[in-house]
């Protein structure tokens, strides 16, 4: 009769060690994959949207976030790595990022959109204008609309108040009226209800009128971004490749 004794403790230690290295490598792979997905989404947004200002392009990229607290870490009991888009999966902390996040989500959703935004018409009466569309020639492929011509800057629509909420500027910007008419060489901006915002320029005794913005209460946006589809494309293969690399690294450096 033969009695065979197996020493299982080294095998169990080896299996336990491999499990630890597996979990460590999986966390690293998740985090690296999400970092790469973050860069891909940021590039996707700035490539597919027309963003003329370099500073604005940087701000749009910052709307896609992967913070330290969002990283996978088994020691903290956090198994998932989370990529956040401002306005969709997390709240914006400032009006600036709330605006950028809202624009990204609109371009991601696409489809019909409505607006009931108010504008100040004559005699301080308010009218619903909705979205504003630049008049032909006001915006080009290389140059955006000057901020000085936006309705908020002209005092024709609400702006964010320092104390919170929205407010109108106290008065219109542009031409000032005097006895007998407007001063020569001045510009006066006004709202034509249901149509848009126009500029009147006084040239001597003559007045010249130019369109600046047209109103649209309903528009249809193309789906320019598809953030979810872009995130998912090639995700499994990328995660697998990162895991293989990090597991080999973990086993090579395990103590």
C-alpha atoms as a PDB file:
ATOM      1  CA  UNK A   1       0.000   0.000   0.000  1.00  0.00           C
ATOM      2  CA  UNK A   2       1.358   3.357  -0.987  1.00  0.00           C
ATOM      3  CA  UNK A   3       0.475   6.549   0.830  1.00  0.00           C
ATOM      4  CA  UNK A   4       0.869   9.740  -1.202  1.00  0.00           C
ATOM      5  CA  UNK A   5       0.858  13.143   0.447  1.00  0.00           C
ATOM      6  CA  UNK A   6       0.332  16.345  -1.531  1.00  0.00           C
ATOM      7  CA  UNK A   7       1.680  19.644  -0.235  1.00  0.00           C
ATOM      8  CA  UNK A   8      -1.067  22.047  -1.272  1.00  0.00           C
ATOM      9  CA  UNK A   9       0.058  25.199   0.549  1.00  0.00           C
ATOM     10  CA  UNK A  10       2.472  26.381  -2.188  1.00  0.00           C
ATOM     11  CA  UNK A  11      -0.199  25.753  -4.817  1.00  0.00           C
ATOM     12  CA  UNK A  12      -2.779  27.720  -2.832  1.00  0.00           C
ATOM     13  CA  UNK A  13      -0.297  30.541  -2.278  1.00  0.00           C
ATOM     14  CA  UNK A  14       0.392  30.605  -6.015  1.00  0.00           C
ATOM     15  CA  UNK A  15      -3.313  30.631  -6.869  1.00  0.00           C
ATOM     16  CA  UNK A  16      -3.979  33.370  -4.305  1.00  0.00           C
ATOM     17  CA  UNK A  17      -1.101  35.408  -5.682  1.00  0.00           C
ATOM     18  CA  UNK A  18      -2.375  34.990  -9.250  1.00  0.00           C
ATOM     19  CA  UNK A  19      -5.853  36.102  -8.161  1.00  0.00           C
ATOM     20  CA  UNK A  20      -4.393  39.219  -6.529  1.00  0.00           C
ATOM     21  CA  UNK A  21      -2.351  40.022  -9.620  1.00  0.00           C
ATOM     22  CA  UNK A  22      -5.416  39.415 -11.788  1.00  0.00           C
ATOM     23  CA  UNK A  23      -7.437  41.958  -9.785  1.00  0.00           C
ATOM     24  CA  UNK A  24      -4.543  44.435  -9.799  1.00  0.00           C
ATOM     25  CA  UNK A  25      -4.044  44.071 -13.551  1.00  0.00           C
ATOM     26  CA  UNK A  26      -7.779  44.368 -14.200  1.00  0.00           C
ATOM     27  CA  UNK A  27      -7.950  47.678 -12.316  1.00  0.00           C
ATOM     28  CA  UNK A  28      -4.985  49.004 -14.278  1.00  0.00           C
ATOM     29  CA  UNK A  29      -6.501  47.821 -17.551  1.00  0.00           C
ATOM     30  CA  UNK A  30      -9.851  49.461 -16.814  1.00  0.00           C
ATOM     31  CA  UNK A  31      -8.240  52.771 -15.910  1.00  0.00           C
ATOM     32  CA  UNK A  32      -5.897  52.790 -18.903  1.00  0.00           C
ATOM     33  CA  UNK A  33      -8.766  51.921 -21.246  1.00  0.00           C
ATOM     34  CA  UNK A  34     -10.958  54.722 -19.905  1.00  0.00           C
ATOM     35  CA  UNK A  35      -8.042  57.173 -20.185  1.00  0.00           C
ATOM     36  CA  UNK A  36      -7.713  56.202 -23.847  1.00  0.00           C
ATOM     37  CA  UNK A  37     -11.472  56.431 -24.347  1.00  0.00           C
ATOM     38  CA  UNK A  38     -11.475  59.887 -22.750  1.00  0.00           C
ATOM     39  CA  UNK A  39      -8.831  61.114 -25.212  1.00  0.00           C
ATOM     40  CA  UNK A  40     -10.757  59.541 -28.107  1.00  0.00           C
ATOM     41  CA  UNK A  41     -14.046  61.221 -27.108  1.00  0.00           C
ATOM     42  CA  UNK A  42     -12.348  64.582 -26.610  1.00  0.00           C
ATOM     43  CA  UNK A  43     -10.796  64.357 -30.061  1.00  0.00           C
ATOM     44  CA  UNK A  44     -14.094  63.174 -31.527  1.00  0.00           C
ATOM     45  CA  UNK A  45     -15.934  66.204 -30.112  1.00  0.00           C
ATOM     46  CA  UNK A  46     -13.428  68.813 -31.291  1.00  0.00           C
ATOM     47  CA  UNK A  47     -13.172  67.166 -34.728  1.00  0.00           C
ATOM     48  CA  UNK A  48     -16.891  66.857 -35.410  1.00  0.00           C
ATOM     49  CA  UNK A  49     -17.999  70.235 -34.033  1.00  0.00           C
ATOM     50  CA  UNK A  50     -17.040  73.549 -35.598  1.00  0.00           C
ATOM     51  CA  UNK A  51     -15.088  75.250 -32.812  1.00  0.00           C
ATOM     52  CA  UNK A  52     -13.219  78.291 -34.060  1.00  0.00           C
ATOM     53  CA  UNK A  53     -11.517  79.490 -30.878  1.00  0.00           C
ATOM     54  CA  UNK A  54      -8.586  77.548 -29.435  1.00  0.00           C
ATOM     55  CA  UNK A  55      -9.627  78.424 -25.871  1.00  0.00           C
ATOM     56  CA  UNK A  56     -13.158  77.111 -26.491  1.00  0.00           C
ATOM     57  CA  UNK A  57     -11.747  73.895 -27.975  1.00  0.00           C
ATOM     58  CA  UNK A  58      -9.833  73.333 -24.729  1.00  0.00           C
ATOM     59  CA  UNK A  59     -12.964  73.930 -22.651  1.00  0.00           C
ATOM     60  CA  UNK A  60     -14.994  71.494 -24.750  1.00  0.00           C
ATOM     61  CA  UNK A  61     -12.359  68.813 -24.109  1.00  0.00           C
ATOM     62  CA  UNK A  62     -12.592  69.410 -20.369  1.00  0.00           C
ATOM     63  CA  UNK A  63     -16.288  68.547 -20.454  1.00  0.00           C
ATOM     64  CA  UNK A  64     -15.274  64.850 -20.752  1.00  0.00           C
ATOM     65  CA  UNK A  65     -13.783  63.932 -17.387  1.00  0.00           C
ATOM     66  CA  UNK A  66     -12.074  60.979 -15.734  1.00  0.00           C
ATOM     67  CA  UNK A  67     -11.246  62.084 -12.201  1.00  0.00           C
ATOM     68  CA  UNK A  68      -9.133  60.407  -9.549  1.00  0.00           C
ATOM     69  CA  UNK A  69     -12.286  59.472  -7.656  1.00  0.00           C
ATOM     70  CA  UNK A  70     -13.654  57.734 -10.777  1.00  0.00           C
ATOM     71  CA  UNK A  71     -10.782  55.270 -11.132  1.00  0.00           C
ATOM     72  CA  UNK A  72     -11.234  51.551 -10.494  1.00  0.00           C
ATOM     73  CA  UNK A  73      -9.536  50.541  -7.224  1.00  0.00           C
ATOM     74  CA  UNK A  74     -10.327  47.246  -5.506  1.00  0.00           C
ATOM     75  CA  UNK A  75      -8.740  48.528  -2.280  1.00  0.00           C
ATOM     76  CA  UNK A  76     -11.447  51.193  -2.076  1.00  0.00           C
ATOM     77  CA  UNK A  77     -14.129  48.740  -3.128  1.00  0.00           C
ATOM     78  CA  UNK A  78     -14.627  50.542  -6.432  1.00  0.00           C
ATOM     79  CA  UNK A  79     -14.775  48.016  -9.233  1.00  0.00           C
ATOM     80  CA  UNK A  80     -15.773  50.294 -12.098  1.00  0.00           C
ATOM     81  CA  UNK A  81     -13.906  53.040 -13.910  1.00  0.00           C
ATOM     82  CA  UNK A  82     -16.318  55.863 -14.775  1.00  0.00           C
ATOM     83  CA  UNK A  83     -16.006  58.380 -17.582  1.00  0.00           C
ATOM     84  CA  UNK A  84     -18.212  61.426 -17.067  1.00  0.00           C
ATOM     85  CA  UNK A  85     -19.705  63.947 -19.487  1.00  0.00           C
ATOM     86  CA  UNK A  86     -20.812  67.225 -17.924  1.00  0.00           C
ATOM     87  CA  UNK A  87     -24.567  67.562 -17.985  1.00  0.00           C
ATOM     88  CA  UNK A  88     -25.138  63.880 -18.707  1.00  0.00           C
ATOM     89  CA  UNK A  89     -23.506  61.842 -15.939  1.00  0.00           C
ATOM     90  CA  UNK A  90     -22.401  64.647 -13.627  1.00  0.00           C
ATOM     91  CA  UNK A  91     -23.453  68.214 -12.853  1.00  0.00           C
ATOM     92  CA  UNK A  92     -21.426  71.164 -14.099  1.00  0.00           C
ATOM     93  CA  UNK A  93     -19.922  73.306 -11.347  1.00  0.00           C
ATOM     94  CA  UNK A  94     -19.950  76.586 -13.292  1.00  0.00           C
ATOM     95  CA  UNK A  95     -22.223  78.290 -15.831  1.00  0.00           C
ATOM     96  CA  UNK A  96     -19.425  78.028 -18.393  1.00  0.00           C
ATOM     97  CA  UNK A  97     -19.190  74.251 -18.205  1.00  0.00           C
ATOM     98  CA  UNK A  98     -22.964  73.927 -17.946  1.00  0.00           C
ATOM     99  CA  UNK A  99     -23.161  75.738 -21.286  1.00  0.00           C
ATOM    100  CA  UNK A 100     -20.474  73.588 -22.914  1.00  0.00           C
ATOM    101  CA  UNK A 101     -22.050  70.405 -21.546  1.00  0.00           C
ATOM    102  CA  UNK A 102     -25.486  71.427 -22.827  1.00  0.00           C
ATOM    103  CA  UNK A 103     -24.101  72.098 -26.316  1.00  0.00           C
ATOM    104  CA  UNK A 104     -22.344  68.720 -26.418  1.00  0.00           C
ATOM    105  CA  UNK A 105     -25.503  66.886 -25.333  1.00  0.00           C
ATOM    106  CA  UNK A 106     -27.640  68.697 -27.919  1.00  0.00           C
ATOM    107  CA  UNK A 107     -25.232  67.703 -30.670  1.00  0.00           C
ATOM    108  CA  UNK A 108     -25.137  64.149 -29.313  1.00  0.00           C
ATOM    109  CA  UNK A 109     -28.911  63.764 -29.116  1.00  0.00           C
ATOM    110  CA  UNK A 110     -29.770  65.503 -32.386  1.00  0.00           C
ATOM    111  CA  UNK A 111     -33.394  65.641 -33.528  1.00  0.00           C
ATOM    112  CA  UNK A 112     -35.989  68.407 -33.056  1.00  0.00           C
ATOM    113  CA  UNK A 113     -35.440  71.039 -30.373  1.00  0.00           C
ATOM    114  CA  UNK A 114     -37.626  73.925 -29.223  1.00  0.00           C
ATOM    115  CA  UNK A 115     -36.831  77.136 -27.368  1.00  0.00           C
ATOM    116  CA  UNK A 116     -39.026  79.780 -25.742  1.00  0.00           C
ATOM    117  CA  UNK A 117     -36.222  82.194 -24.896  1.00  0.00           C
ATOM    118  CA  UNK A 118     -37.386  85.779 -24.385  1.00  0.00           C
ATOM    119  CA  UNK A 119     -36.030  88.892 -26.097  1.00  0.00           C
ATOM    120  CA  UNK A 120     -36.639  92.534 -25.333  1.00  0.00           C
ATOM    121  CA  UNK A 121     -38.629  94.247 -28.031  1.00  0.00           C
ATOM    122  CA  UNK A 122     -39.664  97.891 -28.305  1.00  0.00           C
ATOM    123  CA  UNK A 123     -40.912  99.791 -25.223  1.00  0.00           C
ATOM    124  CA  UNK A 124     -39.407  97.117 -22.953  1.00  0.00           C
ATOM    125  CA  UNK A 125     -41.970  94.550 -24.060  1.00  0.00           C
ATOM    126  CA  UNK A 126     -40.838  90.930 -24.201  1.00  0.00           C
ATOM    127  CA  UNK A 127     -41.323  88.503 -27.043  1.00  0.00           C
ATOM    128  CA  UNK A 128     -40.508  84.822 -27.574  1.00  0.00           C
ATOM    129  CA  UNK A 129     -37.721  84.443 -30.108  1.00  0.00           C
ATOM    130  CA  UNK A 130     -36.229  81.042 -29.334  1.00  0.00           C
ATOM    131  CA  UNK A 131     -32.978  80.062 -31.026  1.00  0.00           C
ATOM    132  CA  UNK A 132     -30.905  82.617 -32.922  1.00  0.00           C
ATOM    133  CA  UNK A 133     -29.481  81.915 -36.389  1.00  0.00           C
ATOM    134  CA  UNK A 134     -26.724  84.253 -37.684  1.00  0.00           C
ATOM    135  CA  UNK A 135     -27.603  86.319 -40.751  1.00  0.00           C
ATOM    136  CA  UNK A 136     -25.703  85.307 -43.923  1.00  0.00           C
ATOM    137  CA  UNK A 137     -22.132  86.575 -43.883  1.00  0.00           C
ATOM    138  CA  UNK A 138     -22.041  87.189 -40.142  1.00  0.00           C
ATOM    139  CA  UNK A 139     -20.252  83.902 -39.539  1.00  0.00           C
ATOM    140  CA  UNK A 140     -17.681  82.280 -41.815  1.00  0.00           C
ATOM    141  CA  UNK A 141     -15.680  79.043 -41.764  1.00  0.00           C
ATOM    142  CA  UNK A 142     -12.731  80.871 -40.198  1.00  0.00           C
ATOM    143  CA  UNK A 143     -14.493  83.515 -38.090  1.00  0.00           C
ATOM    144  CA  UNK A 144     -17.277  83.224 -35.596  1.00  0.00           C
ATOM    145  CA  UNK A 145     -19.864  85.836 -34.678  1.00  0.00           C
ATOM    146  CA  UNK A 146     -18.272  88.612 -32.553  1.00  0.00           C
ATOM    147  CA  UNK A 147     -19.331  88.328 -28.924  1.00  0.00           C
ATOM    148  CA  UNK A 148     -20.273  92.006 -28.991  1.00  0.00           C
ATOM    149  CA  UNK A 149     -23.136  91.145 -31.359  1.00  0.00           C
ATOM    150  CA  UNK A 150     -24.682  88.438 -29.188  1.00  0.00           C
ATOM    151  CA  UNK A 151     -28.134  89.375 -27.827  1.00  0.00           C
ATOM    152  CA  UNK A 152     -26.893  89.343 -24.219  1.00  0.00           C
ATOM    153  CA  UNK A 153     -24.139  91.841 -25.079  1.00  0.00           C
ATOM    154  CA  UNK A 154     -26.656  94.049 -26.891  1.00  0.00           C
ATOM    155  CA  UNK A 155     -29.009  93.999 -23.918  1.00  0.00           C
ATOM    156  CA  UNK A 156     -31.733  92.235 -25.888  1.00  0.00           C
ATOM    157  CA  UNK A 157     -31.789  88.921 -23.994  1.00  0.00           C
ATOM    158  CA  UNK A 158     -31.108  87.738 -20.453  1.00  0.00           C
ATOM    159  CA  UNK A 159     -27.684  87.167 -18.992  1.00  0.00           C
ATOM    160  CA  UNK A 160     -26.572  85.421 -15.799  1.00  0.00           C
ATOM    161  CA  UNK A 161     -26.812  87.756 -12.824  1.00  0.00           C
ATOM    162  CA  UNK A 162     -24.015  87.960 -10.269  1.00  0.00           C
ATOM    163  CA  UNK A 163     -26.506  87.352  -7.476  1.00  0.00           C
ATOM    164  CA  UNK A 164     -27.894  84.301  -9.286  1.00  0.00           C
ATOM    165  CA  UNK A 165     -30.649  83.784 -11.835  1.00  0.00           C
ATOM    166  CA  UNK A 166     -31.034  85.775 -15.042  1.00  0.00           C
ATOM    167  CA  UNK A 167     -31.385  89.477 -15.781  1.00  0.00           C
ATOM    168  CA  UNK A 168     -31.603  91.884 -18.692  1.00  0.00           C
ATOM    169  CA  UNK A 169     -29.026  94.618 -19.130  1.00  0.00           C
ATOM    170  CA  UNK A 170     -30.444  97.992 -18.113  1.00  0.00           C
ATOM    171  CA  UNK A 171     -30.465  99.408 -21.605  1.00  0.00           C
ATOM    172  CA  UNK A 172     -29.761  98.676 -25.240  1.00  0.00           C
ATOM    173  CA  UNK A 173     -26.284  99.171 -26.605  1.00  0.00           C
ATOM    174  CA  UNK A 174     -25.915 101.149 -29.791  1.00  0.00           C
ATOM    175  CA  UNK A 175     -27.262 104.399 -31.124  1.00  0.00           C
ATOM    176  CA  UNK A 176     -28.630 107.064 -28.835  1.00  0.00           C
ATOM    177  CA  UNK A 177     -31.548 109.146 -29.950  1.00  0.00           C
ATOM    178  CA  UNK A 178     -31.505 112.938 -29.726  1.00  0.00           C
ATOM    179  CA  UNK A 179     -33.885 115.675 -30.767  1.00  0.00           C
ATOM    180  CA  UNK A 180     -34.639 115.279 -34.446  1.00  0.00           C
ATOM    181  CA  UNK A 181     -33.414 111.680 -34.790  1.00  0.00           C
ATOM    182  CA  UNK A 182     -30.396 109.462 -34.153  1.00  0.00           C
ATOM    183  CA  UNK A 183     -26.835 110.746 -34.099  1.00  0.00           C
ATOM    184  CA  UNK A 184     -24.936 110.336 -37.336  1.00  0.00           C
ATOM    185  CA  UNK A 185     -22.703 107.251 -37.473  1.00  0.00           C
ATOM    186  CA  UNK A 186     -24.378 105.452 -34.585  1.00  0.00           C
ATOM    187  CA  UNK A 187     -25.835 101.950 -34.589  1.00  0.00           C
ATOM    188  CA  UNK A 188     -29.050 100.885 -32.958  1.00  0.00           C
ATOM    189  CA  UNK A 189     -30.094  97.251 -32.468  1.00  0.00           C
ATOM    190  CA  UNK A 190     -33.708  96.233 -32.174  1.00  0.00           C
ATOM    191  CA  UNK A 191     -35.939  93.156 -32.140  1.00  0.00           C
ATOM    192  CA  UNK A 192     -38.548  92.581 -34.818  1.00  0.00           C
ATOM    193  CA  UNK A 193     -41.059  90.225 -33.237  1.00  0.00           C
ATOM    194  CA  UNK A 194     -41.178  86.787 -34.808  1.00  0.00           C
ATOM    195  CA  UNK A 195     -38.366  87.642 -37.238  1.00  0.00           C
ATOM    196  CA  UNK A 196     -35.059  88.455 -35.555  1.00  0.00           C
ATOM    197  CA  UNK A 197     -32.606  91.145 -34.475  1.00  0.00           C
ATOM    198  CA  UNK A 198     -31.630  93.961 -36.809  1.00  0.00           C
ATOM    199  CA  UNK A 199     -29.153  96.799 -36.849  1.00  0.00           C
ATOM    200  CA  UNK A 200     -30.031 100.344 -37.850  1.00  0.00           C
ATOM    201  CA  UNK A 201     -27.116 102.565 -38.804  1.00  0.00           C
ATOM    202  CA  UNK A 202     -27.604 106.295 -39.179  1.00  0.00           C
ATOM    203  CA  UNK A 203     -25.815 107.660 -42.268  1.00  0.00           C
ATOM    204  CA  UNK A 204     -26.561 111.371 -42.271  1.00  0.00           C
ATOM    205  CA  UNK A 205     -30.280 111.737 -42.879  1.00  0.00           C
ATOM    206  CA  UNK A 206     -30.552 108.218 -44.218  1.00  0.00           C
ATOM    207  CA  UNK A 207     -30.877 104.980 -42.252  1.00  0.00           C
ATOM    208  CA  UNK A 208     -29.486 101.616 -43.298  1.00  0.00           C
ATOM    209  CA  UNK A 209     -30.881  98.363 -41.923  1.00  0.00           C
ATOM    210  CA  UNK A 210     -29.019  95.043 -41.717  1.00  0.00           C
ATOM    211  CA  UNK A 211     -30.118  91.680 -40.333  1.00  0.00           C
ATOM    212  CA  UNK A 212     -27.969  90.300 -37.505  1.00  0.00           C
ATOM    213  CA  UNK A 213     -29.928  87.299 -36.182  1.00  0.00           C
ATOM    214  CA  UNK A 214     -33.040  85.408 -37.229  1.00  0.00           C
ATOM    215  CA  UNK A 215     -35.332  83.684 -34.727  1.00  0.00           C
ATOM    216  CA  UNK A 216     -36.322  80.034 -34.815  1.00  0.00           C
ATOM    217  CA  UNK A 217     -38.498  78.540 -32.086  1.00  0.00           C
ATOM    218  CA  UNK A 218     -37.987  75.033 -33.493  1.00  0.00           C
ATOM    219  CA  UNK A 219     -34.920  73.552 -35.190  1.00  0.00           C
ATOM    220  CA  UNK A 220     -33.751  70.064 -36.163  1.00  0.00           C
ATOM    221  CA  UNK A 221     -30.196  69.175 -35.226  1.00  0.00           C
ATOM    222  CA  UNK A 222     -28.225  66.408 -36.943  1.00  0.00           C
ATOM    223  CA  UNK A 223     -26.762  63.774 -34.617  1.00  0.00           C
ATOM    224  CA  UNK A 224     -23.143  64.881 -34.975  1.00  0.00           C
ATOM    225  CA  UNK A 225     -21.459  63.047 -32.106  1.00  0.00           C
ATOM    226  CA  UNK A 226     -22.905  59.649 -31.033  1.00  0.00           C
ATOM    227  CA  UNK A 227     -20.814  59.611 -27.852  1.00  0.00           C
ATOM    228  CA  UNK A 228     -22.057  56.196 -26.712  1.00  0.00           C
ATOM    229  CA  UNK A 229     -21.282  54.551 -30.057  1.00  0.00           C
ATOM    230  CA  UNK A 230     -17.846  56.153 -30.188  1.00  0.00           C
ATOM    231  CA  UNK A 231     -17.096  54.982 -26.639  1.00  0.00           C
ATOM    232  CA  UNK A 232     -18.175  51.394 -27.346  1.00  0.00           C
ATOM    233  CA  UNK A 233     -16.376  51.013 -30.676  1.00  0.00           C
ATOM    234  CA  UNK A 234     -13.448  48.636 -30.172  1.00  0.00           C
ATOM    235  CA  UNK A 235     -13.816  48.812 -26.381  1.00  0.00           C
ATOM    236  CA  UNK A 236     -13.643  45.043 -25.661  1.00  0.00           C
ATOM    237  CA  UNK A 237     -10.519  44.576 -27.789  1.00  0.00           C
ATOM    238  CA  UNK A 238      -8.822  47.567 -26.193  1.00  0.00           C
ATOM    239  CA  UNK A 239      -9.623  46.373 -22.656  1.00  0.00           C
ATOM    240  CA  UNK A 240      -8.399  42.869 -23.466  1.00  0.00           C
ATOM    241  CA  UNK A 241      -5.085  44.117 -24.878  1.00  0.00           C
ATOM    242  CA  UNK A 242      -4.509  46.356 -21.867  1.00  0.00           C
ATOM    243  CA  UNK A 243      -5.312  43.527 -19.453  1.00  0.00           C
ATOM    244  CA  UNK A 244      -2.880  41.114 -21.116  1.00  0.00           C
ATOM    245  CA  UNK A 245      -0.111  43.689 -20.894  1.00  0.00           C
ATOM    246  CA  UNK A 246      -0.786  44.653 -17.290  1.00  0.00           C
ATOM    247  CA  UNK A 247      -1.199  41.047 -16.109  1.00  0.00           C
ATOM    248  CA  UNK A 248       2.193  40.154 -17.555  1.00  0.00           C
ATOM    249  CA  UNK A 249       3.631  43.232 -15.833  1.00  0.00           C
ATOM    250  CA  UNK A 250       1.942  42.317 -12.520  1.00  0.00           C
ATOM    251  CA  UNK A 251       3.240  38.722 -12.553  1.00  0.00           C
ATOM    252  CA  UNK A 252       6.719  39.884 -13.518  1.00  0.00           C
ATOM    253  CA  UNK A 253       6.921  42.349 -10.638  1.00  0.00           C
ATOM    254  CA  UNK A 254       4.945  40.367  -8.007  1.00  0.00           C
ATOM    255  CA  UNK A 255       6.706  39.842  -4.685  1.00  0.00           C
END
